[in-house]
PDBML (XML) file of the C-alpha atoms, coordinates in Angstrom:
<?xml version="1.0" encoding="UTF-8" ?>
<PDBx:datablock datablockName="MODEL"
   xmlns:PDBx="http://pdbml.pdb.org/schema/pdbx-v50.xsd"
   xmlns:xsi="http://www.w3.org/2001/XMLSchema-instance"
   xsi:schemaLocation="http://pdbml.pdb.org/schema/pdbx-v50.xsd pdbx-v50.xsd">
   <PDBx:atom_siteCategory>
      <PDBx:atom_site id="1">
         <PDBx:B_iso_or_equiv>0.00</PDBx:B_iso_or_equiv>
         <PDBx:Cartn_x>98.737</PDBx:Cartn_x>
         <PDBx:Cartn_y>118.847</PDBx:Cartn_y>
         <PDBx:Cartn_z>113.173</PDBx:Cartn_z>
         <PDBx:auth_asym_id>A</PDBx:auth_asym_id>
         <PDBx:auth_atom_id>CA</PDBx:auth_atom_id>
         <PDBx:auth_comp_id>SER</PDBx:auth_comp_id>
         <PDBx:auth_seq_id>1</PDBx:auth_seq_id>
         <PDBx:group_PDB>ATOM</PDBx:group_PDB>
         <PDBx:label_alt_id xsi:nil="true" />
         <PDBx:label_asym_id>A</PDBx:label_asym_id>
         <PDBx:label_atom_id>CA</PDBx:label_atom_id>
         <PDBx:label_comp_id>SER</PDBx:label_comp_id>
         <PDBx:label_entity_id>1</PDBx:label_entity_id>
         <PDBx:label_seq_id>1</PDBx:label_seq_id>
         <PDBx:occupancy>1.00</PDBx:occupancy>
         <PDBx:pdbx_PDB_model_num>1</PDBx:pdbx_PDB_model_num>
         <PDBx:type_symbol>C</PDBx:type_symbol>
      </PDBx:atom_site>
      <PDBx:atom_site id="2">
         <PDBx:B_iso_or_equiv>0.00</PDBx:B_iso_or_equiv>
         <PDBx:Cartn_x>98.447</PDBx:Cartn_x>
         <PDBx:Cartn_y>115.712</PDBx:Cartn_y>
         <PDBx:Cartn_z>111.030</PDBx:Cartn_z>
         <PDBx:auth_asym_id>A</PDBx:auth_asym_id>
         <PDBx:auth_atom_id>CA</PDBx:auth_atom_id>
         <PDBx:auth_comp_id>MET</PDBx:auth_comp_id>
         <PDBx:auth_seq_id>2</PDBx:auth_seq_id>
         <PDBx:group_PDB>ATOM</PDBx:group_PDB>
         <PDBx:label_alt_id xsi:nil="true" />
         <PDBx:label_asym_id>A</PDBx:label_asym_id>
         <PDBx:label_atom_id>CA</PDBx:label_atom_id>
         <PDBx:label_comp_id>MET</PDBx:label_comp_id>
         <PDBx:label_entity_id>1</PDBx:label_entity_id>
         <PDBx:label_seq_id>2</PDBx:label_seq_id>
         <PDBx:occupancy>1.00</PDBx:occupancy>
         <PDBx:pdbx_PDB_model_num>1</PDBx:pdbx_PDB_model_num>
         <PDBx:type_symbol>C</PDBx:type_symbol>
      </PDBx:atom_site>
      <PDBx:atom_site id="3">
         <PDBx:B_iso_or_equiv>0.00</PDBx:B_iso_or_equiv>
         <PDBx:Cartn_x>95.464</PDBx:Cartn_x>
         <PDBx:Cartn_y>113.569</PDBx:Cartn_y>
         <PDBx:Cartn_z>112.033</PDBx:Cartn_z>
         <PDBx:auth_asym_id>A</PDBx:auth_asym_id>
         <PDBx:auth_atom_id>CA</PDBx:auth_atom_id>
         <PDBx:auth_comp_id>SER</PDBx:auth_comp_id>
         <PDBx:auth_seq_id>3</PDBx:auth_seq_id>
         <PDBx:group_PDB>ATOM</PDBx:group_PDB>
         <PDBx:label_alt_id xsi:nil="true" />
         <PDBx:label_asym_id>A</PDBx:label_asym_id>
         <PDBx:label_atom_id>CA</PDBx:label_atom_id>
         <PDBx:label_comp_id>SER</PDBx:label_comp_id>
         <PDBx:label_entity_id>1</PDBx:label_entity_id>
         <PDBx:label_seq_id>3</PDBx:label_seq_id>
         <PDBx:occupancy>1.00</PDBx:occupancy>
         <PDBx:pdbx_PDB_model_num>1</PDBx:pdbx_PDB_model_num>
         <PDBx:type_symbol>C</PDBx:type_symbol>
      </PDBx:atom_site>
      <PDBx:atom_site id="4">
         <PDBx:B_iso_or_equiv>0.00</PDBx:B_iso_or_equiv>
         <PDBx:Cartn_x>95.607</PDBx:Cartn_x>
         <PDBx:Cartn_y>109.808</PDBx:Cartn_y>
         <PDBx:Cartn_z>112.407</PDBx:Cartn_z>
         <PDBx:auth_asym_id>A</PDBx:auth_asym_id>
         <PDBx:auth_atom_id>CA</PDBx:auth_atom_id>
         <PDBx:auth_comp_id>GLN</PDBx:auth_comp_id>
         <PDBx:auth_seq_id>4</PDBx:auth_seq_id>
         <PDBx:group_PDB>ATOM</PDBx:group_PDB>
         <PDBx:label_alt_id xsi:nil="true" />
         <PDBx:label_asym_id>A</PDBx:label_asym_id>
         <PDBx:label_atom_id>CA</PDBx:label_atom_id>
         <PDBx:label_comp_id>GLN</PDBx:label_comp_id>
         <PDBx:label_entity_id>1</PDBx:label_entity_id>
         <PDBx:label_seq_id>4</PDBx:label_seq_id>
         <PDBx:occupancy>1.00</PDBx:occupancy>
         <PDBx:pdbx_PDB_model_num>1</PDBx:pdbx_PDB_model_num>
         <PDBx:type_symbol>C</PDBx:type_symbol>
      </PDBx:atom_site>
      <PDBx:atom_site id="5">
         <PDBx:B_iso_or_equiv>0.00</PDBx:B_iso_or_equiv>
         <PDBx:Cartn_x>93.217</PDBx:Cartn_x>
         <PDBx:Cartn_y>109.485</PDBx:Cartn_y>
         <PDBx:Cartn_z>109.485</PDBx:Cartn_z>
         <PDBx:auth_asym_id>A</PDBx:auth_asym_id>
         <PDBx:auth_atom_id>CA</PDBx:auth_atom_id>
         <PDBx:auth_comp_id>ARG</PDBx:auth_comp_id>
         <PDBx:auth_seq_id>5</PDBx:auth_seq_id>
         <PDBx:group_PDB>ATOM</PDBx:group_PDB>
         <PDBx:label_alt_id xsi:nil="true" />
         <PDBx:label_asym_id>A</PDBx:label_asym_id>
         <PDBx:label_atom_id>CA</PDBx:label_atom_id>
         <PDBx:label_comp_id>ARG</PDBx:label_comp_id>
         <PDBx:label_entity_id>1</PDBx:label_entity_id>
         <PDBx:label_seq_id>5</PDBx:label_seq_id>
         <PDBx:occupancy>1.00</PDBx:occupancy>
         <PDBx:pdbx_PDB_model_num>1</PDBx:pdbx_PDB_model_num>
         <PDBx:type_symbol>C</PDBx:type_symbol>
      </PDBx:atom_site>
      <PDBx:atom_site id="6">
         <PDBx:B_iso_or_equiv>0.00</PDBx:B_iso_or_equiv>
         <PDBx:Cartn_x>95.544</PDBx:Cartn_x>
         <PDBx:Cartn_y>111.491</PDBx:Cartn_y>
         <PDBx:Cartn_z>107.235</PDBx:Cartn_z>
         <PDBx:auth_asym_id>A</PDBx:auth_asym_id>
         <PDBx:auth_atom_id>CA</PDBx:auth_atom_id>
         <PDBx:auth_comp_id>SER</PDBx:auth_comp_id>
         <PDBx:auth_seq_id>6</PDBx:auth_seq_id>
         <PDBx:group_PDB>ATOM</PDBx:group_PDB>
         <PDBx:label_alt_id xsi:nil="true" />
         <PDBx:label_asym_id>A</PDBx:label_asym_id>
         <PDBx:label_atom_id>CA</PDBx:label_atom_id>
         <PDBx:label_comp_id>SER</PDBx:label_comp_id>
         <PDBx:label_entity_id>1</PDBx:label_entity_id>
         <PDBx:label_seq_id>6</PDBx:label_seq_id>
         <PDBx:occupancy>1.00</PDBx:occupancy>
         <PDBx:pdbx_PDB_model_num>1</PDBx:pdbx_PDB_model_num>
         <PDBx:type_symbol>C</PDBx:type_symbol>
      </PDBx:atom_site>
      <PDBx:atom_site id="7">
         <PDBx:B_iso_or_equiv>0.00</PDBx:B_iso_or_equiv>
         <PDBx:Cartn_x>98.603</PDBx:Cartn_x>
         <PDBx:Cartn_y>109.491</PDBx:Cartn_y>
         <PDBx:Cartn_z>108.287</PDBx:Cartn_z>
         <PDBx:auth_asym_id>A</PDBx:auth_asym_id>
         <PDBx:auth_atom_id>CA</PDBx:auth_atom_id>
         <PDBx:auth_comp_id>LEU</PDBx:auth_comp_id>
         <PDBx:auth_seq_id>7</PDBx:auth_seq_id>
         <PDBx:group_PDB>ATOM</PDBx:group_PDB>
         <PDBx:label_alt_id xsi:nil="true" />
         <PDBx:label_asym_id>A</PDBx:label_asym_id>
         <PDBx:label_atom_id>CA</PDBx:label_atom_id>
         <PDBx:label_comp_id>LEU</PDBx:label_comp_id>
         <PDBx:label_entity_id>1</PDBx:label_entity_id>
         <PDBx:label_seq_id>7</PDBx:label_seq_id>
         <PDBx:occupancy>1.00</PDBx:occupancy>
         <PDBx:pdbx_PDB_model_num>1</PDBx:pdbx_PDB_model_num>
         <PDBx:type_symbol>C</PDBx:type_symbol>
      </PDBx:atom_site>
      <PDBx:atom_site id="8">
         <PDBx:B_iso_or_equiv>0.00</PDBx:B_iso_or_equiv>
         <PDBx:Cartn_x>96.760</PDBx:Cartn_x>
         <PDBx:Cartn_y>106.255</PDBx:Cartn_y>
         <PDBx:Cartn_z>107.621</PDBx:Cartn_z>
         <PDBx:auth_asym_id>A</PDBx:auth_asym_id>
         <PDBx:auth_atom_id>CA</PDBx:auth_atom_id>
         <PDBx:auth_comp_id>ASP</PDBx:auth_comp_id>
         <PDBx:auth_seq_id>8</PDBx:auth_seq_id>
         <PDBx:group_PDB>ATOM</PDBx:group_PDB>
         <PDBx:label_alt_id xsi:nil="true" />
         <PDBx:label_asym_id>A</PDBx:label_asym_id>
         <PDBx:label_atom_id>CA</PDBx:label_atom_id>
         <PDBx:label_comp_id>ASP</PDBx:label_comp_id>
         <PDBx:label_entity_id>1</PDBx:label_entity_id>
         <PDBx:label_seq_id>8</PDBx:label_seq_id>
         <PDBx:occupancy>1.00</PDBx:occupancy>
         <PDBx:pdbx_PDB_model_num>1</PDBx:pdbx_PDB_model_num>
         <PDBx:type_symbol>C</PDBx:type_symbol>
      </PDBx:atom_site>
      <PDBx:atom_site id="9">
         <PDBx:B_iso_or_equiv>0.00</PDBx:B_iso_or_equiv>
         <PDBx:Cartn_x>95.864</PDBx:Cartn_x>
         <PDBx:Cartn_y>107.500</PDBx:Cartn_y>
         <PDBx:Cartn_z>104.127</PDBx:Cartn_z>
         <PDBx:auth_asym_id>A</PDBx:auth_asym_id>
         <PDBx:auth_atom_id>CA</PDBx:auth_atom_id>
         <PDBx:auth_comp_id>LEU</PDBx:auth_comp_id>
         <PDBx:auth_seq_id>9</PDBx:auth_seq_id>
         <PDBx:group_PDB>ATOM</PDBx:group_PDB>
         <PDBx:label_alt_id xsi:nil="true" />
         <PDBx:label_asym_id>A</PDBx:label_asym_id>
         <PDBx:label_atom_id>CA</PDBx:label_atom_id>
         <PDBx:label_comp_id>LEU</PDBx:label_comp_id>
         <PDBx:label_entity_id>1</PDBx:label_entity_id>
         <PDBx:label_seq_id>9</PDBx:label_seq_id>
         <PDBx:occupancy>1.00</PDBx:occupancy>
         <PDBx:pdbx_PDB_model_num>1</PDBx:pdbx_PDB_model_num>
         <PDBx:type_symbol>C</PDBx:type_symbol>
      </PDBx:atom_site>
      <PDBx:atom_site id="10">
         <PDBx:B_iso_or_equiv>0.00</PDBx:B_iso_or_equiv>
         <PDBx:Cartn_x>99.298</PDBx:Cartn_x>
         <PDBx:Cartn_y>108.875</PDBx:Cartn_y>
         <PDBx:Cartn_z>103.254</PDBx:Cartn_z>
         <PDBx:auth_asym_id>A</PDBx:auth_asym_id>
         <PDBx:auth_atom_id>CA</PDBx:auth_atom_id>
         <PDBx:auth_comp_id>LEU</PDBx:auth_comp_id>
         <PDBx:auth_seq_id>10</PDBx:auth_seq_id>
         <PDBx:group_PDB>ATOM</PDBx:group_PDB>
         <PDBx:label_alt_id xsi:nil="true" />
         <PDBx:label_asym_id>A</PDBx:label_asym_id>
         <PDBx:label_atom_id>CA</PDBx:label_atom_id>
         <PDBx:label_comp_id>LEU</PDBx:label_comp_id>
         <PDBx:label_entity_id>1</PDBx:label_entity_id>
         <PDBx:label_seq_id>10</PDBx:label_seq_id>
         <PDBx:occupancy>1.00</PDBx:occupancy>
         <PDBx:pdbx_PDB_model_num>1</PDBx:pdbx_PDB_model_num>
         <PDBx:type_symbol>C</PDBx:type_symbol>
      </PDBx:atom_site>
      <PDBx:atom_site id="11">
         <PDBx:B_iso_or_equiv>0.00</PDBx:B_iso_or_equiv>
         <PDBx:Cartn_x>101.678</PDBx:Cartn_x>
         <PDBx:Cartn_y>106.151</PDBx:Cartn_y>
         <PDBx:Cartn_z>104.416</PDBx:Cartn_z>
         <PDBx:auth_asym_id>A</PDBx:auth_asym_id>
         <PDBx:auth_atom_id>CA</PDBx:auth_atom_id>
         <PDBx:auth_comp_id>ARG</PDBx:auth_comp_id>
         <PDBx:auth_seq_id>11</PDBx:auth_seq_id>
         <PDBx:group_PDB>ATOM</PDBx:group_PDB>
         <PDBx:label_alt_id xsi:nil="true" />
         <PDBx:label_asym_id>A</PDBx:label_asym_id>
         <PDBx:label_atom_id>CA</PDBx:label_atom_id>
         <PDBx:label_comp_id>ARG</PDBx:label_comp_id>
         <PDBx:label_entity_id>1</PDBx:label_entity_id>
         <PDBx:label_seq_id>11</PDBx:label_seq_id>
         <PDBx:occupancy>1.00</PDBx:occupancy>
         <PDBx:pdbx_PDB_model_num>1</PDBx:pdbx_PDB_model_num>
         <PDBx:type_symbol>C</PDBx:type_symbol>
      </PDBx:atom_site>
      <PDBx:atom_site id="12">
         <PDBx:B_iso_or_equiv>0.00</PDBx:B_iso_or_equiv>
         <PDBx:Cartn_x>100.491</PDBx:Cartn_x>
         <PDBx:Cartn_y>103.300</PDBx:Cartn_y>
         <PDBx:Cartn_z>102.156</PDBx:Cartn_z>
         <PDBx:auth_asym_id>A</PDBx:auth_asym_id>
         <PDBx:auth_atom_id>CA</PDBx:auth_atom_id>
         <PDBx:auth_comp_id>PRO</PDBx:auth_comp_id>
         <PDBx:auth_seq_id>12</PDBx:auth_seq_id>
         <PDBx:group_PDB>ATOM</PDBx:group_PDB>
         <PDBx:label_alt_id xsi:nil="true" />
         <PDBx:label_asym_id>A</PDBx:label_asym_id>
         <PDBx:label_atom_id>CA</PDBx:label_atom_id>
         <PDBx:label_comp_id>PRO</PDBx:label_comp_id>
         <PDBx:label_entity_id>1</PDBx:label_entity_id>
         <PDBx:label_seq_id>12</PDBx:label_seq_id>
         <PDBx:occupancy>1.00</PDBx:occupancy>
         <PDBx:pdbx_PDB_model_num>1</PDBx:pdbx_PDB_model_num>
         <PDBx:type_symbol>C</PDBx:type_symbol>
      </PDBx:atom_site>
      <PDBx:atom_site id="13">
         <PDBx:B_iso_or_equiv>0.00</PDBx:B_iso_or_equiv>
         <PDBx:Cartn_x>99.923</PDBx:Cartn_x>
         <PDBx:Cartn_y>105.709</PDBx:Cartn_y>
         <PDBx:Cartn_z>99.251</PDBx:Cartn_z>
         <PDBx:auth_asym_id>A</PDBx:auth_asym_id>
         <PDBx:auth_atom_id>CA</PDBx:auth_atom_id>
         <PDBx:auth_comp_id>THR</PDBx:auth_comp_id>
         <PDBx:auth_seq_id>13</PDBx:auth_seq_id>
         <PDBx:group_PDB>ATOM</PDBx:group_PDB>
         <PDBx:label_alt_id xsi:nil="true" />
         <PDBx:label_asym_id>A</PDBx:label_asym_id>
         <PDBx:label_atom_id>CA</PDBx:label_atom_id>
         <PDBx:label_comp_id>THR</PDBx:label_comp_id>
         <PDBx:label_entity_id>1</PDBx:label_entity_id>
         <PDBx:label_seq_id>13</PDBx:label_seq_id>
         <PDBx:occupancy>1.00</PDBx:occupancy>
         <PDBx:pdbx_PDB_model_num>1</PDBx:pdbx_PDB_model_num>
         <PDBx:type_symbol>C</PDBx:type_symbol>
      </PDBx:atom_site>
      <PDBx:atom_site id="14">
         <PDBx:B_iso_or_equiv>0.00</PDBx:B_iso_or_equiv>
         <PDBx:Cartn_x>103.596</PDBx:Cartn_x>
         <PDBx:Cartn_y>106.666</PDBx:Cartn_y>
         <PDBx:Cartn_z>98.963</PDBx:Cartn_z>
         <PDBx:auth_asym_id>A</PDBx:auth_asym_id>
         <PDBx:auth_atom_id>CA</PDBx:auth_atom_id>
         <PDBx:auth_comp_id>ILE</PDBx:auth_comp_id>
         <PDBx:auth_seq_id>14</PDBx:auth_seq_id>
         <PDBx:group_PDB>ATOM</PDBx:group_PDB>
         <PDBx:label_alt_id xsi:nil="true" />
         <PDBx:label_asym_id>A</PDBx:label_asym_id>
         <PDBx:label_atom_id>CA</PDBx:label_atom_id>
         <PDBx:label_comp_id>ILE</PDBx:label_comp_id>
         <PDBx:label_entity_id>1</PDBx:label_entity_id>
         <PDBx:label_seq_id>14</PDBx:label_seq_id>
         <PDBx:occupancy>1.00</PDBx:occupancy>
         <PDBx:pdbx_PDB_model_num>1</PDBx:pdbx_PDB_model_num>
         <PDBx:type_symbol>C</PDBx:type_symbol>
      </PDBx:atom_site>
      <PDBx:atom_site id="15">
         <PDBx:B_iso_or_equiv>0.00</PDBx:B_iso_or_equiv>
         <PDBx:Cartn_x>104.521</PDBx:Cartn_x>
         <PDBx:Cartn_y>103.176</PDBx:Cartn_y>
         <PDBx:Cartn_z>97.803</PDBx:Cartn_z>
         <PDBx:auth_asym_id>A</PDBx:auth_asym_id>
         <PDBx:auth_atom_id>CA</PDBx:auth_atom_id>
         <PDBx:auth_comp_id>ARG</PDBx:auth_comp_id>
         <PDBx:auth_seq_id>15</PDBx:auth_seq_id>
         <PDBx:group_PDB>ATOM</PDBx:group_PDB>
         <PDBx:label_alt_id xsi:nil="true" />
         <PDBx:label_asym_id>A</PDBx:label_asym_id>
         <PDBx:label_atom_id>CA</PDBx:label_atom_id>
         <PDBx:label_comp_id>ARG</PDBx:label_comp_id>
         <PDBx:label_entity_id>1</PDBx:label_entity_id>
         <PDBx:label_seq_id>15</PDBx:label_seq_id>
         <PDBx:occupancy>1.00</PDBx:occupancy>
         <PDBx:pdbx_PDB_model_num>1</PDBx:pdbx_PDB_model_num>
         <PDBx:type_symbol>C</PDBx:type_symbol>
      </PDBx:atom_site>
      <PDBx:atom_site id="16">
         <PDBx:B_iso_or_equiv>0.00</PDBx:B_iso_or_equiv>
         <PDBx:Cartn_x>106.962</PDBx:Cartn_x>
         <PDBx:Cartn_y>103.579</PDBx:Cartn_y>
         <PDBx:Cartn_z>94.911</PDBx:Cartn_z>
         <PDBx:auth_asym_id>A</PDBx:auth_asym_id>
         <PDBx:auth_atom_id>CA</PDBx:auth_atom_id>
         <PDBx:auth_comp_id>LYS</PDBx:auth_comp_id>
         <PDBx:auth_seq_id>16</PDBx:auth_seq_id>
         <PDBx:group_PDB>ATOM</PDBx:group_PDB>
         <PDBx:label_alt_id xsi:nil="true" />
         <PDBx:label_asym_id>A</PDBx:label_asym_id>
         <PDBx:label_atom_id>CA</PDBx:label_atom_id>
         <PDBx:label_comp_id>LYS</PDBx:label_comp_id>
         <PDBx:label_entity_id>1</PDBx:label_entity_id>
         <PDBx:label_seq_id>16</PDBx:label_seq_id>
         <PDBx:occupancy>1.00</PDBx:occupancy>
         <PDBx:pdbx_PDB_model_num>1</PDBx:pdbx_PDB_model_num>
         <PDBx:type_symbol>C</PDBx:type_symbol>
      </PDBx:atom_site>
      <PDBx:atom_site id="17">
         <PDBx:B_iso_or_equiv>0.00</PDBx:B_iso_or_equiv>
         <PDBx:Cartn_x>110.155</PDBx:Cartn_x>
         <PDBx:Cartn_y>101.517</PDBx:Cartn_y>
         <PDBx:Cartn_z>95.447</PDBx:Cartn_z>
         <PDBx:auth_asym_id>A</PDBx:auth_asym_id>
         <PDBx:auth_atom_id>CA</PDBx:auth_atom_id>
         <PDBx:auth_comp_id>PRO</PDBx:auth_comp_id>
         <PDBx:auth_seq_id>17</PDBx:auth_seq_id>
         <PDBx:group_PDB>ATOM</PDBx:group_PDB>
         <PDBx:label_alt_id xsi:nil="true" />
         <PDBx:label_asym_id>A</PDBx:label_asym_id>
         <PDBx:label_atom_id>CA</PDBx:label_atom_id>
         <PDBx:label_comp_id>PRO</PDBx:label_comp_id>
         <PDBx:label_entity_id>1</PDBx:label_entity_id>
         <PDBx:label_seq_id>17</PDBx:label_seq_id>
         <PDBx:occupancy>1.00</PDBx:occupancy>
         <PDBx:pdbx_PDB_model_num>1</PDBx:pdbx_PDB_model_num>
         <PDBx:type_symbol>C</PDBx:type_symbol>
      </PDBx:atom_site>
      <PDBx:atom_site id="18">
         <PDBx:B_iso_or_equiv>0.00</PDBx:B_iso_or_equiv>
         <PDBx:Cartn_x>112.672</PDBx:Cartn_x>
         <PDBx:Cartn_y>103.680</PDBx:Cartn_y>
         <PDBx:Cartn_z>97.291</PDBx:Cartn_z>
         <PDBx:auth_asym_id>A</PDBx:auth_asym_id>
         <PDBx:auth_atom_id>CA</PDBx:auth_atom_id>
         <PDBx:auth_comp_id>GLY</PDBx:auth_comp_id>
         <PDBx:auth_seq_id>18</PDBx:auth_seq_id>
         <PDBx:group_PDB>ATOM</PDBx:group_PDB>
         <PDBx:label_alt_id xsi:nil="true" />
         <PDBx:label_asym_id>A</PDBx:label_asym_id>
         <PDBx:label_atom_id>CA</PDBx:label_atom_id>
         <PDBx:label_comp_id>GLY</PDBx:label_comp_id>
         <PDBx:label_entity_id>1</PDBx:label_entity_id>
         <PDBx:label_seq_id>18</PDBx:label_seq_id>
         <PDBx:occupancy>1.00</PDBx:occupancy>
         <PDBx:pdbx_PDB_model_num>1</PDBx:pdbx_PDB_model_num>
         <PDBx:type_symbol>C</PDBx:type_symbol>
      </PDBx:atom_site>
      <PDBx:atom_site id="19">
         <PDBx:B_iso_or_equiv>0.00</PDBx:B_iso_or_equiv>
         <PDBx:Cartn_x>110.078</PDBx:Cartn_x>
         <PDBx:Cartn_y>106.320</PDBx:Cartn_y>
         <PDBx:Cartn_z>98.131</PDBx:Cartn_z>
         <PDBx:auth_asym_id>A</PDBx:auth_asym_id>
         <PDBx:auth_atom_id>CA</PDBx:auth_atom_id>
         <PDBx:auth_comp_id>SER</PDBx:auth_comp_id>
         <PDBx:auth_seq_id>19</PDBx:auth_seq_id>
         <PDBx:group_PDB>ATOM</PDBx:group_PDB>
         <PDBx:label_alt_id xsi:nil="true" />
         <PDBx:label_asym_id>A</PDBx:label_asym_id>
         <PDBx:label_atom_id>CA</PDBx:label_atom_id>
         <PDBx:label_comp_id>SER</PDBx:label_comp_id>
         <PDBx:label_entity_id>1</PDBx:label_entity_id>
         <PDBx:label_seq_id>19</PDBx:label_seq_id>
         <PDBx:occupancy>1.00</PDBx:occupancy>
         <PDBx:pdbx_PDB_model_num>1</PDBx:pdbx_PDB_model_num>
         <PDBx:type_symbol>C</PDBx:type_symbol>
      </PDBx:atom_site>
      <PDBx:atom_site id="20">
         <PDBx:B_iso_or_equiv>0.00</PDBx:B_iso_or_equiv>
         <PDBx:Cartn_x>110.440</PDBx:Cartn_x>
         <PDBx:Cartn_y>108.311</PDBx:Cartn_y>
         <PDBx:Cartn_z>101.345</PDBx:Cartn_z>
         <PDBx:auth_asym_id>A</PDBx:auth_asym_id>
         <PDBx:auth_atom_id>CA</PDBx:auth_atom_id>
         <PDBx:auth_comp_id>GLU</PDBx:auth_comp_id>
         <PDBx:auth_seq_id>20</PDBx:auth_seq_id>
         <PDBx:group_PDB>ATOM</PDBx:group_PDB>
         <PDBx:label_alt_id xsi:nil="true" />
         <PDBx:label_asym_id>A</PDBx:label_asym_id>
         <PDBx:label_atom_id>CA</PDBx:label_atom_id>
         <PDBx:label_comp_id>GLU</PDBx:label_comp_id>
         <PDBx:label_entity_id>1</PDBx:label_entity_id>
         <PDBx:label_seq_id>20</PDBx:label_seq_id>
         <PDBx:occupancy>1.00</PDBx:occupancy>
         <PDBx:pdbx_PDB_model_num>1</PDBx:pdbx_PDB_model_num>
         <PDBx:type_symbol>C</PDBx:type_symbol>
      </PDBx:atom_site>
      <PDBx:atom_site id="21">
         <PDBx:B_iso_or_equiv>0.00</PDBx:B_iso_or_equiv>
         <PDBx:Cartn_x>108.235</PDBx:Cartn_x>
         <PDBx:Cartn_y>110.095</PDBx:Cartn_y>
         <PDBx:Cartn_z>103.876</PDBx:Cartn_z>
         <PDBx:auth_asym_id>A</PDBx:auth_asym_id>
         <PDBx:auth_atom_id>CA</PDBx:auth_atom_id>
         <PDBx:auth_comp_id>LEU</PDBx:auth_comp_id>
         <PDBx:auth_seq_id>21</PDBx:auth_seq_id>
         <PDBx:group_PDB>ATOM</PDBx:group_PDB>
         <PDBx:label_alt_id xsi:nil="true" />
         <PDBx:label_asym_id>A</PDBx:label_asym_id>
         <PDBx:label_atom_id>CA</PDBx:label_atom_id>
         <PDBx:label_comp_id>LEU</PDBx:label_comp_id>
         <PDBx:label_entity_id>1</PDBx:label_entity_id>
         <PDBx:label_seq_id>21</PDBx:label_seq_id>
         <PDBx:occupancy>1.00</PDBx:occupancy>
         <PDBx:pdbx_PDB_model_num>1</PDBx:pdbx_PDB_model_num>
         <PDBx:type_symbol>C</PDBx:type_symbol>
      </PDBx:atom_site>
      <PDBx:atom_site id="22">
         <PDBx:B_iso_or_equiv>0.00</PDBx:B_iso_or_equiv>
         <PDBx:Cartn_x>109.703</PDBx:Cartn_x>
         <PDBx:Cartn_y>113.243</PDBx:Cartn_y>
         <PDBx:Cartn_z>105.452</PDBx:Cartn_z>
         <PDBx:auth_asym_id>A</PDBx:auth_asym_id>
         <PDBx:auth_atom_id>CA</PDBx:auth_atom_id>
         <PDBx:auth_comp_id>TRP</PDBx:auth_comp_id>
         <PDBx:auth_seq_id>22</PDBx:auth_seq_id>
         <PDBx:group_PDB>ATOM</PDBx:group_PDB>
         <PDBx:label_alt_id xsi:nil="true" />
         <PDBx:label_asym_id>A</PDBx:label_asym_id>
         <PDBx:label_atom_id>CA</PDBx:label_atom_id>
         <PDBx:label_comp_id>TRP</PDBx:label_comp_id>
         <PDBx:label_entity_id>1</PDBx:label_entity_id>
         <PDBx:label_seq_id>22</PDBx:label_seq_id>
         <PDBx:occupancy>1.00</PDBx:occupancy>
         <PDBx:pdbx_PDB_model_num>1</PDBx:pdbx_PDB_model_num>
         <PDBx:type_symbol>C</PDBx:type_symbol>
      </PDBx:atom_site>
      <PDBx:atom_site id="23">
         <PDBx:B_iso_or_equiv>0.00</PDBx:B_iso_or_equiv>
         <PDBx:Cartn_x>108.268</PDBx:Cartn_x>
         <PDBx:Cartn_y>114.953</PDBx:Cartn_y>
         <PDBx:Cartn_z>108.535</PDBx:Cartn_z>
         <PDBx:auth_asym_id>A</PDBx:auth_asym_id>
         <PDBx:auth_atom_id>CA</PDBx:auth_atom_id>
         <PDBx:auth_comp_id>PHE</PDBx:auth_comp_id>
         <PDBx:auth_seq_id>23</PDBx:auth_seq_id>
         <PDBx:group_PDB>ATOM</PDBx:group_PDB>
         <PDBx:label_alt_id xsi:nil="true" />
         <PDBx:label_asym_id>A</PDBx:label_asym_id>
         <PDBx:label_atom_id>CA</PDBx:label_atom_id>
         <PDBx:label_comp_id>PHE</PDBx:label_comp_id>
         <PDBx:label_entity_id>1</PDBx:label_entity_id>
         <PDBx:label_seq_id>23</PDBx:label_seq_id>
         <PDBx:occupancy>1.00</PDBx:occupancy>
         <PDBx:pdbx_PDB_model_num>1</PDBx:pdbx_PDB_model_num>
         <PDBx:type_symbol>C</PDBx:type_symbol>
      </PDBx:atom_site>
      <PDBx:atom_site id="24">
         <PDBx:B_iso_or_equiv>0.00</PDBx:B_iso_or_equiv>
         <PDBx:Cartn_x>109.096</PDBx:Cartn_x>
         <PDBx:Cartn_y>118.266</PDBx:Cartn_y>
         <PDBx:Cartn_z>110.205</PDBx:Cartn_z>
         <PDBx:auth_asym_id>A</PDBx:auth_asym_id>
         <PDBx:auth_atom_id>CA</PDBx:auth_atom_id>
         <PDBx:auth_comp_id>THR</PDBx:auth_comp_id>
         <PDBx:auth_seq_id>24</PDBx:auth_seq_id>
         <PDBx:group_PDB>ATOM</PDBx:group_PDB>
         <PDBx:label_alt_id xsi:nil="true" />
         <PDBx:label_asym_id>A</PDBx:label_asym_id>
         <PDBx:label_atom_id>CA</PDBx:label_atom_id>
         <PDBx:label_comp_id>THR</PDBx:label_comp_id>
         <PDBx:label_entity_id>1</PDBx:label_entity_id>
         <PDBx:label_seq_id>24</PDBx:label_seq_id>
         <PDBx:occupancy>1.00</PDBx:occupancy>
         <PDBx:pdbx_PDB_model_num>1</PDBx:pdbx_PDB_model_num>
         <PDBx:type_symbol>C</PDBx:type_symbol>
      </PDBx:atom_site>
   </PDBx:atom_siteCategory>
</PDBx:datablock>
């Protein structure tokens, strides 16, 4: 259900070294 707008906001925000993005 995640929109393209939300993905585009989230991905560069989680930027801490070693940070991860998990999706189910």
